[in-house]
Amino acid sequence: MLYFAEHGFPMSEFERLRIGPVILRDELDYFREIRLLESFTVTMVMAGLTPDAGRFFLRNEFFRPDGKRIAQVTSHGGWLDLTTRKLTAPPEKLASLLHSLEKTSDFRTLE
């Protein structure tokens, strides 16, 4: 949510638009251990997206300071219309932001 806030979509904007992200499923893969309180870096990339950006696969990857990947979480989600309580396409500005995210090597266009 910090990424969206930094790019013009703070929580107040989602409230104004009456939409919000909804995560339908998370997939978690572990690759290496990390020690308690050890620093790590998290990245966010797009693993899948519908043409209208209404549904997405966002991937967070976790890396140790030596660059070795610790884990990854792929979140399958979409945008919930808070009035109708149904999935919807986001406004163009938000869709454009999603389309501009770096894509994974296994990125796929969702139907």
PDB file of N, CA and C in Angstrom:
ATOM      1  N   MET A   1       0.828  -1.189   0.000  1.00  0.00           N
ATOM      2  CA  MET A   1       0.000   0.000   0.000  1.00  0.00           C
ATOM      3  C   MET A   1       0.874   1.255   0.000  1.00  0.00           C
ATOM      4  N   LEU A   2       2.095   1.140   0.534  1.00  0.00           N
ATOM      5  CA  LEU A   2       2.991   2.289   0.499  1.00  0.00           C
ATOM      6  C   LEU A   2       3.342   2.664  -0.937  1.00  0.00           C
ATOM      7  N   TYR A   3       3.522   1.665  -1.799  1.00  0.00           N
ATOM      8  CA  TYR A   3       3.824   1.939  -3.211  1.00  0.00           C
ATOM      9  C   TYR A   3       2.705   2.783  -3.825  1.00  0.00           C
ATOM     10  N   PHE A   4       1.464   2.402  -3.591  1.00  0.00           N
ATOM     11  CA  PHE A   4       0.351   3.146  -4.165  1.00  0.00           C
ATOM     12  C   PHE A   4       0.281   4.557  -3.579  1.00  0.00           C
ATOM     13  N   ALA A   5       0.481   4.689  -2.283  1.00  0.00           N
ATOM     14  CA  ALA A   5       0.465   6.018  -1.656  1.00  0.00           C
ATOM     15  C   ALA A   5       1.549   6.914  -2.240  1.00  0.00           C
ATOM     16  N   GLU A   6       2.731   6.353  -2.482  1.00  0.00           N
ATOM     17  CA  GLU A   6       3.838   7.137  -3.054  1.00  0.00           C
ATOM     18  C   GLU A   6       3.601   7.529  -4.508  1.00  0.00           C
ATOM     19  N   HIS A   7       2.638   6.878  -5.155  1.00  0.00           N
ATOM     20  CA  HIS A   7       2.363   7.147  -6.563  1.00  0.00           C
ATOM     21  C   HIS A   7       0.960   7.737  -6.779  1.00  0.00           C
ATOM     22  N   GLY A   8       0.477   8.484  -5.796  1.00  0.00           N
ATOM     23  CA  GLY A   8      -0.768   9.222  -5.971  1.00  0.00           C
ATOM     24  C   GLY A   8      -2.035   8.526  -5.515  1.00  0.00           C
ATOM     25  N   PHE A   9      -1.891   7.391  -4.856  1.00  0.00           N
ATOM     26  CA  PHE A   9      -3.066   6.665  -4.391  1.00  0.00           C
ATOM     27  C   PHE A   9      -2.969   6.338  -2.905  1.00  0.00           C
ATOM     28  N   PRO A  10      -3.034   7.373  -2.046  1.00  0.00           N
ATOM     29  CA  PRO A  10      -3.085   7.097  -0.602  1.00  0.00           C
ATOM     30  C   PRO A  10      -4.451   6.502  -0.263  1.00  0.00           C
ATOM     31  N   MET A  11      -4.598   6.025   0.929  1.00  0.00           N
ATOM     32  CA  MET A  11      -5.861   5.406   1.355  1.00  0.00           C
ATOM     33  C   MET A  11      -7.047   6.346   1.128  1.00  0.00           C
ATOM     34  N   SER A  12      -6.849   7.631   1.341  1.00  0.00           N
ATOM     35  CA  SER A  12      -7.949   8.588   1.151  1.00  0.00           C
ATOM     36  C   SER A  12      -8.441   8.603  -0.293  1.00  0.00           C
ATOM     37  N   GLU A  13      -7.555   8.381  -1.261  1.00  0.00           N
ATOM     38  CA  GLU A  13      -7.963   8.346  -2.669  1.00  0.00           C
ATOM     39  C   GLU A  13      -8.764   7.076  -2.965  1.00  0.00           C
ATOM     40  N   PHE A  14      -8.357   5.961  -2.390  1.00  0.00           N
ATOM     41  CA  PHE A  14      -9.146   4.737  -2.555  1.00  0.00           C
ATOM     42  C   PHE A  14     -10.535   4.921  -1.937  1.00  0.00           C
ATOM     43  N   GLU A  15     -10.601   5.582  -0.791  1.00  0.00           N
ATOM     44  CA  GLU A  15     -11.892   5.844  -0.154  1.00  0.00           C
ATOM     45  C   GLU A  15     -12.752   6.738  -1.036  1.00  0.00           C
ATOM     46  N   ARG A  16     -12.151   7.772  -1.616  1.00  0.00           N
ATOM     47  CA  ARG A  16     -12.877   8.688  -2.495  1.00  0.00           C
ATOM     48  C   ARG A  16     -13.407   7.956  -3.726  1.00  0.00           C
ATOM     49  N   LEU A  17     -12.594   7.077  -4.304  1.00  0.00           N
ATOM     50  CA  LEU A  17     -12.977   6.328  -5.496  1.00  0.00           C
ATOM     51  C   LEU A  17     -13.929   5.170  -5.193  1.00  0.00           C
ATOM     52  N   ARG A  18     -14.045   4.824  -3.914  1.00  0.00           N
ATOM     53  CA  ARG A  18     -14.876   3.712  -3.466  1.00  0.00           C
ATOM     54  C   ARG A  18     -14.427   2.382  -4.062  1.00  0.00           C
ATOM     55  N   ILE A  19     -13.086   2.199  -4.153  1.00  0.00           N
ATOM     56  CA  ILE A  19     -12.519   0.916  -4.561  1.00  0.00           C
ATOM     57  C   ILE A  19     -11.370   0.584  -3.618  1.00  0.00           C
ATOM     58  N   GLY A  20     -11.004  -0.675  -3.620  1.00  0.00           N
ATOM     59  CA  GLY A  20      -9.867  -1.093  -2.813  1.00  0.00           C
ATOM     60  C   GLY A  20      -9.338  -2.420  -3.314  1.00  0.00           C
ATOM     61  N   PRO A  21      -8.074  -2.688  -3.040  1.00  0.00           N
ATOM     62  CA  PRO A  21      -7.511  -3.970  -3.460  1.00  0.00           C
ATOM     63  C   PRO A  21      -8.057  -5.092  -2.585  1.00  0.00           C
ATOM     64  N   VAL A  22      -8.250  -6.245  -3.212  1.00  0.00           N
ATOM     65  CA  VAL A  22      -8.670  -7.423  -2.472  1.00  0.00           C
ATOM     66  C   VAL A  22      -7.752  -8.564  -2.913  1.00  0.00           C
ATOM     67  N   ILE A  23      -7.185  -9.254  -1.954  1.00  0.00           N
ATOM     68  CA  ILE A  23      -6.307 -10.382  -2.250  1.00  0.00           C
ATOM     69  C   ILE A  23      -7.131 -11.659  -2.111  1.00  0.00           C
ATOM     70  N   LEU A  24      -7.150 -12.414  -3.199  1.00  0.00           N
ATOM     71  CA  LEU A  24      -7.927 -13.646  -3.243  1.00  0.00           C
ATOM     72  C   LEU A  24      -7.098 -14.863  -2.859  1.00  0.00           C
ATOM     73  N   ARG A  25      -5.783 -14.752  -3.075  1.00  0.00           N
ATOM     74  CA  ARG A  25      -4.904 -15.889  -2.785  1.00  0.00           C
ATOM     75  C   ARG A  25      -3.467 -15.393  -2.715  1.00  0.00           C
ATOM     76  N   ASP A  26      -2.695 -15.952  -1.806  1.00  0.00           N
ATOM     77  CA  ASP A  26      -1.253 -15.709  -1.720  1.00  0.00           C
ATOM     78  C   ASP A  26      -0.525 -17.034  -1.881  1.00  0.00           C
ATOM     79  N   GLU A  27       0.539 -17.029  -2.663  1.00  0.00           N
ATOM     80  CA  GLU A  27       1.425 -18.185  -2.785  1.00  0.00           C
ATOM     81  C   GLU A  27       2.766 -17.780  -2.198  1.00  0.00           C
ATOM     82  N   LEU A  28       3.287 -18.573  -1.282  1.00  0.00           N
ATOM     83  CA  LEU A  28       4.533 -18.267  -0.607  1.00  0.00           C
ATOM     84  C   LEU A  28       5.549 -19.361  -0.885  1.00  0.00           C
ATOM     85  N   ASP A  29       6.712 -18.950  -1.384  1.00  0.00           N
ATOM     86  CA  ASP A  29       7.809 -19.883  -1.648  1.00  0.00           C
ATOM     87  C   ASP A  29       9.018 -19.441  -0.836  1.00  0.00           C
ATOM     88  N   TYR A  30       9.607 -20.383  -0.095  1.00  0.00           N
ATOM     89  CA  TYR A  30      10.817 -20.122   0.676  1.00  0.00           C
ATOM     90  C   TYR A  30      12.018 -20.683  -0.074  1.00  0.00           C
ATOM     91  N   PHE A  31      13.141 -19.922  -0.075  1.00  0.00           N
ATOM     92  CA  PHE A  31      14.346 -20.351  -0.773  1.00  0.00           C
ATOM     93  C   PHE A  31      15.562 -20.472   0.150  1.00  0.00           C
ATOM     94  N   ARG A  32      15.708 -19.535   1.078  1.00  0.00           N
ATOM     95  CA  ARG A  32      16.867 -19.527   1.970  1.00  0.00           C
ATOM     96  C   ARG A  32      16.431 -19.027   3.345  1.00  0.00           C
ATOM     97  N   GLU A  33      17.253 -19.343   4.317  1.00  0.00           N
ATOM     98  CA  GLU A  33      16.945 -18.866   5.660  1.00  0.00           C
ATOM     99  C   GLU A  33      17.419 -17.423   5.831  1.00  0.00           C
ATOM    100  N   ILE A  34      16.870 -16.807   6.844  1.00  0.00           N
ATOM    101  CA  ILE A  34      17.312 -15.476   7.268  1.00  0.00           C
ATOM    102  C   ILE A  34      17.320 -15.502   8.796  1.00  0.00           C
ATOM    103  N   ARG A  35      18.285 -14.853   9.362  1.00  0.00           N
ATOM    104  CA  ARG A  35      18.399 -14.841  10.828  1.00  0.00           C
ATOM    105  C   ARG A  35      17.464 -13.795  11.419  1.00  0.00           C
ATOM    106  N   LEU A  36      17.091 -14.010  12.665  1.00  0.00           N
ATOM    107  CA  LEU A  36      16.258 -13.047  13.357  1.00  0.00           C
ATOM    108  C   LEU A  36      16.920 -11.675  13.342  1.00  0.00           C
ATOM    109  N   LEU A  37      16.144 -10.672  13.038  1.00  0.00           N
ATOM    110  CA  LEU A  37      16.559  -9.260  12.999  1.00  0.00           C
ATOM    111  C   LEU A  37      17.552  -8.937  11.877  1.00  0.00           C
ATOM    112  N   GLU A  38      17.826  -9.881  10.978  1.00  0.00           N
ATOM    113  CA  GLU A  38      18.699  -9.599   9.839  1.00  0.00           C
ATOM    114  C   GLU A  38      17.951  -8.692   8.858  1.00  0.00           C
ATOM    115  N   SER A  39      18.662  -7.720   8.307  1.00  0.00           N
ATOM    116  CA  SER A  39      18.061  -6.816   7.326  1.00  0.00           C
ATOM    117  C   SER A  39      17.771  -7.564   6.035  1.00  0.00           C
ATOM    118  N   PHE A  40      16.755  -7.106   5.321  1.00  0.00           N
ATOM    119  CA  PHE A  40      16.453  -7.665   4.006  1.00  0.00           C
ATOM    120  C   PHE A  40      15.763  -6.603   3.174  1.00  0.00           C
ATOM    121  N   THR A  41      15.726  -6.827   1.882  1.00  0.00           N
ATOM    122  CA  THR A  41      15.110  -5.906   0.931  1.00  0.00           C
ATOM    123  C   THR A  41      13.906  -6.590   0.305  1.00  0.00           C
ATOM    124  N   VAL A  42      12.861  -5.816   0.054  1.00  0.00           N
ATOM    125  CA  VAL A  42      11.662  -6.339  -0.587  1.00  0.00           C
ATOM    126  C   VAL A  42      11.437  -5.588  -1.890  1.00  0.00           C
ATOM    127  N   THR A  43      11.186  -6.332  -2.967  1.00  0.00           N
ATOM    128  CA  THR A  43      10.838  -5.717  -4.243  1.00  0.00           C
ATOM    129  C   THR A  43       9.403  -6.089  -4.594  1.00  0.00           C
ATOM    130  N   MET A  44       8.808  -5.324  -5.513  1.00  0.00           N
ATOM    131  CA  MET A  44       7.460  -5.619  -5.983  1.00  0.00           C
ATOM    132  C   MET A  44       7.468  -5.559  -7.499  1.00  0.00           C
ATOM    133  N   VAL A  45       7.031  -6.635  -8.143  1.00  0.00           N
ATOM    134  CA  VAL A  45       6.970  -6.705  -9.597  1.00  0.00           C
ATOM    135  C   VAL A  45       5.622  -7.305 -10.003  1.00  0.00           C
ATOM    136  N   MET A  46       5.270  -7.078 -11.253  1.00  0.00           N
ATOM    137  CA  MET A  46       4.002  -7.574 -11.773  1.00  0.00           C
ATOM    138  C   MET A  46       4.221  -8.929 -12.429  1.00  0.00           C
ATOM    139  N   ALA A  47       3.490  -9.955 -11.974  1.00  0.00           N
ATOM    140  CA  ALA A  47       3.611 -11.298 -12.529  1.00  0.00           C
ATOM    141  C   ALA A  47       2.468 -11.637 -13.470  1.00  0.00           C
ATOM    142  N   GLY A  48       1.383 -10.885 -13.412  1.00  0.00           N
ATOM    143  CA  GLY A  48       0.254 -11.106 -14.302  1.00  0.00           C
ATOM    144  C   GLY A  48      -0.737  -9.966 -14.174  1.00  0.00           C
ATOM    145  N   LEU A  49      -1.418  -9.649 -15.283  1.00  0.00           N
ATOM    146  CA  LEU A  49      -2.340  -8.519 -15.273  1.00  0.00           C
ATOM    147  C   LEU A  49      -3.350  -8.680 -16.408  1.00  0.00           C
ATOM    148  N   THR A  50      -4.602  -8.366 -16.137  1.00  0.00           N
ATOM    149  CA  THR A  50      -5.592  -8.332 -17.206  1.00  0.00           C
ATOM    150  C   THR A  50      -5.394  -7.041 -17.994  1.00  0.00           C
ATOM    151  N   PRO A  51      -5.834  -6.995 -19.247  1.00  0.00           N
ATOM    152  CA  PRO A  51      -5.679  -5.771 -20.043  1.00  0.00           C
ATOM    153  C   PRO A  51      -6.283  -4.532 -19.376  1.00  0.00           C
ATOM    154  N   ASP A  52      -7.405  -4.697 -18.657  1.00  0.00           N
ATOM    155  CA  ASP A  52      -8.020  -3.542 -17.992  1.00  0.00           C
ATOM    156  C   ASP A  52      -7.469  -3.317 -16.583  1.00  0.00           C
ATOM    157  N   ALA A  53      -6.493  -4.142 -16.163  1.00  0.00           N
ATOM    158  CA  ALA A  53      -5.842  -4.054 -14.845  1.00  0.00           C
ATOM    159  C   ALA A  53      -6.795  -4.359 -13.698  1.00  0.00           C
ATOM    160  N   GLY A  54      -7.907  -4.999 -13.997  1.00  0.00           N
ATOM    161  CA  GLY A  54      -8.881  -5.332 -12.962  1.00  0.00           C
ATOM    162  C   GLY A  54      -8.460  -6.479 -12.061  1.00  0.00           C
ATOM    163  N   ARG A  55      -7.599  -7.354 -12.597  1.00  0.00           N
ATOM    164  CA  ARG A  55      -7.070  -8.463 -11.809  1.00  0.00           C
ATOM    165  C   ARG A  55      -5.569  -8.524 -12.016  1.00  0.00           C
ATOM    166  N   PHE A  56      -4.872  -8.964 -10.979  1.00  0.00           N
ATOM    167  CA  PHE A  56      -3.405  -8.910 -11.032  1.00  0.00           C
ATOM    168  C   PHE A  56      -2.774 -10.039 -10.235  1.00  0.00           C
ATOM    169  N   PHE A  57      -1.524 -10.325 -10.575  1.00  0.00           N
ATOM    170  CA  PHE A  57      -0.636 -11.164  -9.779  1.00  0.00           C
ATOM    171  C   PHE A  57       0.557 -10.281  -9.436  1.00  0.00           C
ATOM    172  N   LEU A  58       0.627  -9.801  -8.210  1.00  0.00           N
ATOM    173  CA  LEU A  58       1.763  -8.997  -7.745  1.00  0.00           C
ATOM    174  C   LEU A  58       2.725  -9.912  -7.012  1.00  0.00           C
ATOM    175  N   ARG A  59       4.009  -9.735  -7.258  1.00  0.00           N
ATOM    176  CA  ARG A  59       5.006 -10.579  -6.602  1.00  0.00           C
ATOM    177  C   ARG A  59       5.957  -9.721  -5.772  1.00  0.00           C
ATOM    178  N   ASN A  60       6.055 -10.046  -4.493  1.00  0.00           N
ATOM    179  CA  ASN A  60       7.057  -9.450  -3.612  1.00  0.00           C
ATOM    180  C   ASN A  60       8.174 -10.460  -3.454  1.00  0.00           C
ATOM    181  N   GLU A  61       9.410 -10.004  -3.689  1.00  0.00           N
ATOM    182  CA  GLU A  61      10.576 -10.866  -3.512  1.00  0.00           C
ATOM    183  C   GLU A  61      11.419 -10.299  -2.379  1.00  0.00           C
ATOM    184  N   PHE A  62      11.933 -11.186  -1.547  1.00  0.00           N
ATOM    185  CA  PHE A  62      12.701 -10.820  -0.360  1.00  0.00           C
ATOM    186  C   PHE A  62      14.144 -11.273  -0.571  1.00  0.00           C
ATOM    187  N   PHE A  63      15.107 -10.350  -0.356  1.00  0.00           N
ATOM    188  CA  PHE A  63      16.527 -10.629  -0.589  1.00  0.00           C
ATOM    189  C   PHE A  63      17.359 -10.299   0.638  1.00  0.00           C
ATOM    190  N   ARG A  64      18.353 -11.163   0.911  1.00  0.00           N
ATOM    191  CA  ARG A  64      19.333 -10.889   1.964  1.00  0.00           C
ATOM    192  C   ARG A  64      20.285  -9.797   1.484  1.00  0.00           C
ATOM    193  N   PRO A  65      21.056  -9.206   2.401  1.00  0.00           N
ATOM    194  CA  PRO A  65      22.036  -8.190   1.993  1.00  0.00           C
ATOM    195  C   PRO A  65      23.056  -8.694   0.968  1.00  0.00           C
ATOM    196  N   ASP A  66      23.320 -10.003   0.941  1.00  0.00           N
ATOM    197  CA  ASP A  66      24.271 -10.539  -0.033  1.00  0.00           C
ATOM    198  C   ASP A  66      23.621 -10.782  -1.402  1.00  0.00           C
ATOM    199  N   GLY A  67      22.346 -10.401  -1.542  1.00  0.00           N
ATOM    200  CA  GLY A  67      21.649 -10.520  -2.814  1.00  0.00           C
ATOM    201  C   GLY A  67      20.935 -11.838  -3.038  1.00  0.00           C
ATOM    202  N   LYS A  68      21.081 -12.776  -2.117  1.00  0.00           N
ATOM    203  CA  LYS A  68      20.422 -14.071  -2.282  1.00  0.00           C
ATOM    204  C   LYS A  68      18.939 -13.956  -1.937  1.00  0.00           C
ATOM    205  N   ARG A  69      18.106 -14.560  -2.774  1.00  0.00           N
ATOM    206  CA  ARG A  69      16.664 -14.495  -2.581  1.00  0.00           C
ATOM    207  C   ARG A  69      16.262 -15.388  -1.412  1.00  0.00           C
ATOM    208  N   ILE A  70      15.481 -14.831  -0.513  1.00  0.00           N
ATOM    209  CA  ILE A  70      15.002 -15.530   0.673  1.00  0.00           C
ATOM    210  C   ILE A  70      13.653 -16.197   0.397  1.00  0.00           C
ATOM    211  N   ALA A  71      12.749 -15.428  -0.184  1.00  0.00           N
ATOM    212  CA  ALA A  71      11.388 -15.902  -0.396  1.00  0.00           C
ATOM    213  C   ALA A  71      10.684 -15.038  -1.423  1.00  0.00           C
ATOM    214  N   GLN A  72       9.543 -15.518  -1.858  1.00  0.00           N
ATOM    215  CA  GLN A  72       8.687 -14.686  -2.700  1.00  0.00           C
ATOM    216  C   GLN A  72       7.238 -14.970  -2.355  1.00  0.00           C
ATOM    217  N   VAL A  73       6.427 -13.928  -2.439  1.00  0.00           N
ATOM    218  CA  VAL A  73       4.994 -14.042  -2.221  1.00  0.00           C
ATOM    219  C   VAL A  73       4.315 -13.509  -3.475  1.00  0.00           C
ATOM    220  N   THR A  74       3.505 -14.353  -4.106  1.00  0.00           N
ATOM    221  CA  THR A  74       2.728 -13.915  -5.261  1.00  0.00           C
ATOM    222  C   THR A  74       1.283 -13.788  -4.812  1.00  0.00           C
ATOM    223  N   SER A  75       0.772 -12.567  -4.903  1.00  0.00           N
ATOM    224  CA  SER A  75      -0.595 -12.272  -4.473  1.00  0.00           C
ATOM    225  C   SER A  75      -1.504 -12.173  -5.685  1.00  0.00           C
ATOM    226  N   HIS A  76      -2.567 -12.967  -5.677  1.00  0.00           N
ATOM    227  CA  HIS A  76      -3.572 -12.933  -6.740  1.00  0.00           C
ATOM    228  C   HIS A  76      -4.695 -12.036  -6.226  1.00  0.00           C
ATOM    229  N   GLY A  77      -4.967 -10.975  -6.944  1.00  0.00           N
ATOM    230  CA  GLY A  77      -5.974 -10.060  -6.441  1.00  0.00           C
ATOM    231  C   GLY A  77      -6.707  -9.313  -7.523  1.00  0.00           C
ATOM    232  N   GLY A  78      -7.513  -8.381  -7.082  1.00  0.00           N
ATOM    233  CA  GLY A  78      -8.284  -7.540  -7.980  1.00  0.00           C
ATOM    234  C   GLY A  78      -8.729  -6.293  -7.240  1.00  0.00           C
ATOM    235  N   TRP A  79      -9.601  -5.548  -7.873  1.00  0.00           N
ATOM    236  CA  TRP A  79     -10.098  -4.289  -7.311  1.00  0.00           C
ATOM    237  C   TRP A  79     -11.574  -4.441  -6.985  1.00  0.00           C
ATOM    238  N   LEU A  80     -11.907  -4.184  -5.735  1.00  0.00           N
ATOM    239  CA  LEU A  80     -13.266  -4.350  -5.254  1.00  0.00           C
ATOM    240  C   LEU A  80     -13.985  -3.008  -5.252  1.00  0.00           C
ATOM    241  N   ASP A  81     -15.140  -2.962  -5.912  1.00  0.00           N
ATOM    242  CA  ASP A  81     -16.011  -1.793  -5.850  1.00  0.00           C
ATOM    243  C   ASP A  81     -16.674  -1.849  -4.475  1.00  0.00           C
ATOM    244  N   LEU A  82     -16.407  -0.864  -3.651  1.00  0.00           N
ATOM    245  CA  LEU A  82     -16.885  -0.900  -2.268  1.00  0.00           C
ATOM    246  C   LEU A  82     -18.378  -0.642  -2.138  1.00  0.00           C
ATOM    247  N   THR A  83     -19.012  -0.178  -3.206  1.00  0.00           N
ATOM    248  CA  THR A  83     -20.461   0.019  -3.186  1.00  0.00           C
ATOM    249  C   THR A  83     -21.185  -1.252  -3.598  1.00  0.00           C
ATOM    250  N   THR A  84     -20.790  -1.832  -4.736  1.00  0.00           N
ATOM    251  CA  THR A  84     -21.462  -3.028  -5.239  1.00  0.00           C
ATOM    252  C   THR A  84     -20.911  -4.310  -4.640  1.00  0.00           C
ATOM    253  N   ARG A  85     -19.706  -4.232  -4.029  1.00  0.00           N
ATOM    254  CA  ARG A  85     -19.007  -5.383  -3.445  1.00  0.00           C
ATOM    255  C   ARG A  85     -18.676  -6.428  -4.503  1.00  0.00           C
ATOM    256  N   LYS A  86     -18.364  -5.942  -5.730  1.00  0.00           N
ATOM    257  CA  LYS A  86     -17.968  -6.811  -6.834  1.00  0.00           C
ATOM    258  C   LYS A  86     -16.648  -6.337  -7.405  1.00  0.00           C
ATOM    259  N   LEU A  87     -15.924  -7.261  -8.043  1.00  0.00           N
ATOM    260  CA  LEU A  87     -14.673  -6.885  -8.687  1.00  0.00           C
ATOM    261  C   LEU A  87     -14.948  -5.936  -9.839  1.00  0.00           C
ATOM    262  N   THR A  88     -14.020  -4.994 -10.042  1.00  0.00           N
ATOM    263  CA  THR A  88     -14.183  -3.971 -11.063  1.00  0.00           C
ATOM    264  C   THR A  88     -12.825  -3.602 -11.642  1.00  0.00           C
ATOM    265  N   ALA A  89     -12.836  -2.916 -12.758  1.00  0.00           N
ATOM    266  CA  ALA A  89     -11.599  -2.374 -13.325  1.00  0.00           C
ATOM    267  C   ALA A  89     -11.282  -1.069 -12.600  1.00  0.00           C
ATOM    268  N   PRO A  90     -10.005  -0.787 -12.370  1.00  0.00           N
ATOM    269  CA  PRO A  90      -9.634   0.458 -11.702  1.00  0.00           C
ATOM    270  C   PRO A  90      -9.716   1.639 -12.669  1.00  0.00           C
ATOM    271  N   PRO A  91      -9.696   2.874 -12.150  1.00  0.00           N
ATOM    272  CA  PRO A  91      -9.658   4.039 -13.042  1.00  0.00           C
ATOM    273  C   PRO A  91      -8.365   4.027 -13.866  1.00  0.00           C
ATOM    274  N   GLU A  92      -8.386   4.734 -14.981  1.00  0.00           N
ATOM    275  CA  GLU A  92      -7.274   4.703 -15.936  1.00  0.00           C
ATOM    276  C   GLU A  92      -5.927   5.045 -15.300  1.00  0.00           C
ATOM    277  N   LYS A  93      -5.893   6.040 -14.420  1.00  0.00           N
ATOM    278  CA  LYS A  93      -4.621   6.434 -13.802  1.00  0.00           C
ATOM    279  C   LYS A  93      -4.018   5.288 -12.978  1.00  0.00           C
ATOM    280  N   LEU A  94      -4.855   4.567 -12.262  1.00  0.00           N
ATOM    281  CA  LEU A  94      -4.389   3.428 -11.469  1.00  0.00           C
ATOM    282  C   LEU A  94      -4.021   2.261 -12.384  1.00  0.00           C
ATOM    283  N   ALA A  95      -4.814   2.032 -13.422  1.00  0.00           N
ATOM    284  CA  ALA A  95      -4.500   0.967 -14.390  1.00  0.00           C
ATOM    285  C   ALA A  95      -3.146   1.234 -15.039  1.00  0.00           C
ATOM    286  N   SER A  96      -2.898   2.478 -15.398  1.00  0.00           N
ATOM    287  CA  SER A  96      -1.622   2.854 -16.018  1.00  0.00           C
ATOM    288  C   SER A  96      -0.461   2.601 -15.067  1.00  0.00           C
ATOM    289  N   LEU A  97      -0.652   2.900 -13.789  1.00  0.00           N
ATOM    290  CA  LEU A  97       0.385   2.659 -12.787  1.00  0.00           C
ATOM    291  C   LEU A  97       0.703   1.162 -12.699  1.00  0.00           C
ATOM    292  N   LEU A  98      -0.319   0.336 -12.712  1.00  0.00           N
ATOM    293  CA  LEU A  98      -0.115  -1.111 -12.652  1.00  0.00           C
ATOM    294  C   LEU A  98       0.605  -1.620 -13.904  1.00  0.00           C
ATOM    295  N   HIS A  99       0.209  -1.119 -15.060  1.00  0.00           N
ATOM    296  CA  HIS A  99       0.852  -1.533 -16.313  1.00  0.00           C
ATOM    297  C   HIS A  99       2.313  -1.094 -16.373  1.00  0.00           C
ATOM    298  N   SER A 100       2.668  -0.036 -15.646  1.00  0.00           N
ATOM    299  CA  SER A 100       4.038   0.482 -15.692  1.00  0.00           C
ATOM    300  C   SER A 100       5.001  -0.253 -14.761  1.00  0.00           C
ATOM    301  N   LEU A 101       4.473  -1.100 -13.870  1.00  0.00           N
ATOM    302  CA  LEU A 101       5.357  -1.852 -12.967  1.00  0.00           C
ATOM    303  C   LEU A 101       6.275  -2.774 -13.764  1.00  0.00           C
ATOM    304  N   GLU A 102       7.480  -2.969 -13.240  1.00  0.00           N
ATOM    305  CA  GLU A 102       8.404  -3.933 -13.839  1.00  0.00           C
ATOM    306  C   GLU A 102       7.731  -5.298 -13.858  1.00  0.00           C
ATOM    307  N   LYS A 103       7.936  -6.033 -14.941  1.00  0.00           N
ATOM    308  CA  LYS A 103       7.295  -7.335 -15.098  1.00  0.00           C
ATOM    309  C   LYS A 103       8.291  -8.467 -14.833  1.00  0.00           C
ATOM    310  N   THR A 104       7.789  -9.561 -14.306  1.00  0.00           N
ATOM    311  CA  THR A 104       8.613 -10.748 -14.059  1.00  0.00           C
ATOM    312  C   THR A 104       8.958 -11.429 -15.377  1.00  0.00           C
ATOM    313  N   SER A 105       9.963 -12.274 -15.349  1.00  0.00           N
ATOM    314  CA  SER A 105      10.328 -13.023 -16.561  1.00  0.00           C
ATOM    315  C   SER A 105       9.230 -13.994 -16.965  1.00  0.00           C
ATOM    316  N   ASP A 106       8.383 -14.407 -16.000  1.00  0.00           N
ATOM    317  CA  ASP A 106       7.277 -15.309 -16.311  1.00  0.00           C
ATOM    318  C   ASP A 106       5.932 -14.581 -16.353  1.00  0.00           C
ATOM    319  N   PHE A 107       5.961 -13.268 -16.593  1.00  0.00           N
ATOM    320  CA  PHE A 107       4.732 -12.463 -16.657  1.00  0.00           C
ATOM    321  C   PHE A 107       3.764 -13.063 -17.670  1.00  0.00           C
ATOM    322  N   ARG A 108       2.485 -13.005 -17.313  1.00  0.00           N
ATOM    323  CA  ARG A 108       1.477 -13.442 -18.278  1.00  0.00           C
ATOM    324  C   ARG A 108       0.277 -12.501 -18.259  1.00  0.00           C
ATOM    325  N   THR A 109      -0.324 -12.346 -19.418  1.00  0.00           N
ATOM    326  CA  THR A 109      -1.543 -11.564 -19.533  1.00  0.00           C
ATOM    327  C   THR A 109      -2.689 -12.444 -19.066  1.00  0.00           C
ATOM    328  N   LEU A 110      -3.448 -11.939 -18.119  1.00  0.00           N
ATOM    329  CA  LEU A 110      -4.572 -12.694 -17.554  1.00  0.00           C
ATOM    330  C   LEU A 110      -5.833 -12.428 -18.356  1.00  0.00           C
ATOM    331  N   GLU A 111      -6.731 -13.393 -18.355  1.00  0.00           N
ATOM    332  CA  GLU A 111      -8.008 -13.213 -19.062  1.00  0.00           C
ATOM    333  C   GLU A 111      -9.063 -12.680 -18.127  1.00  0.00           C
TER     334      GLU A 111
END
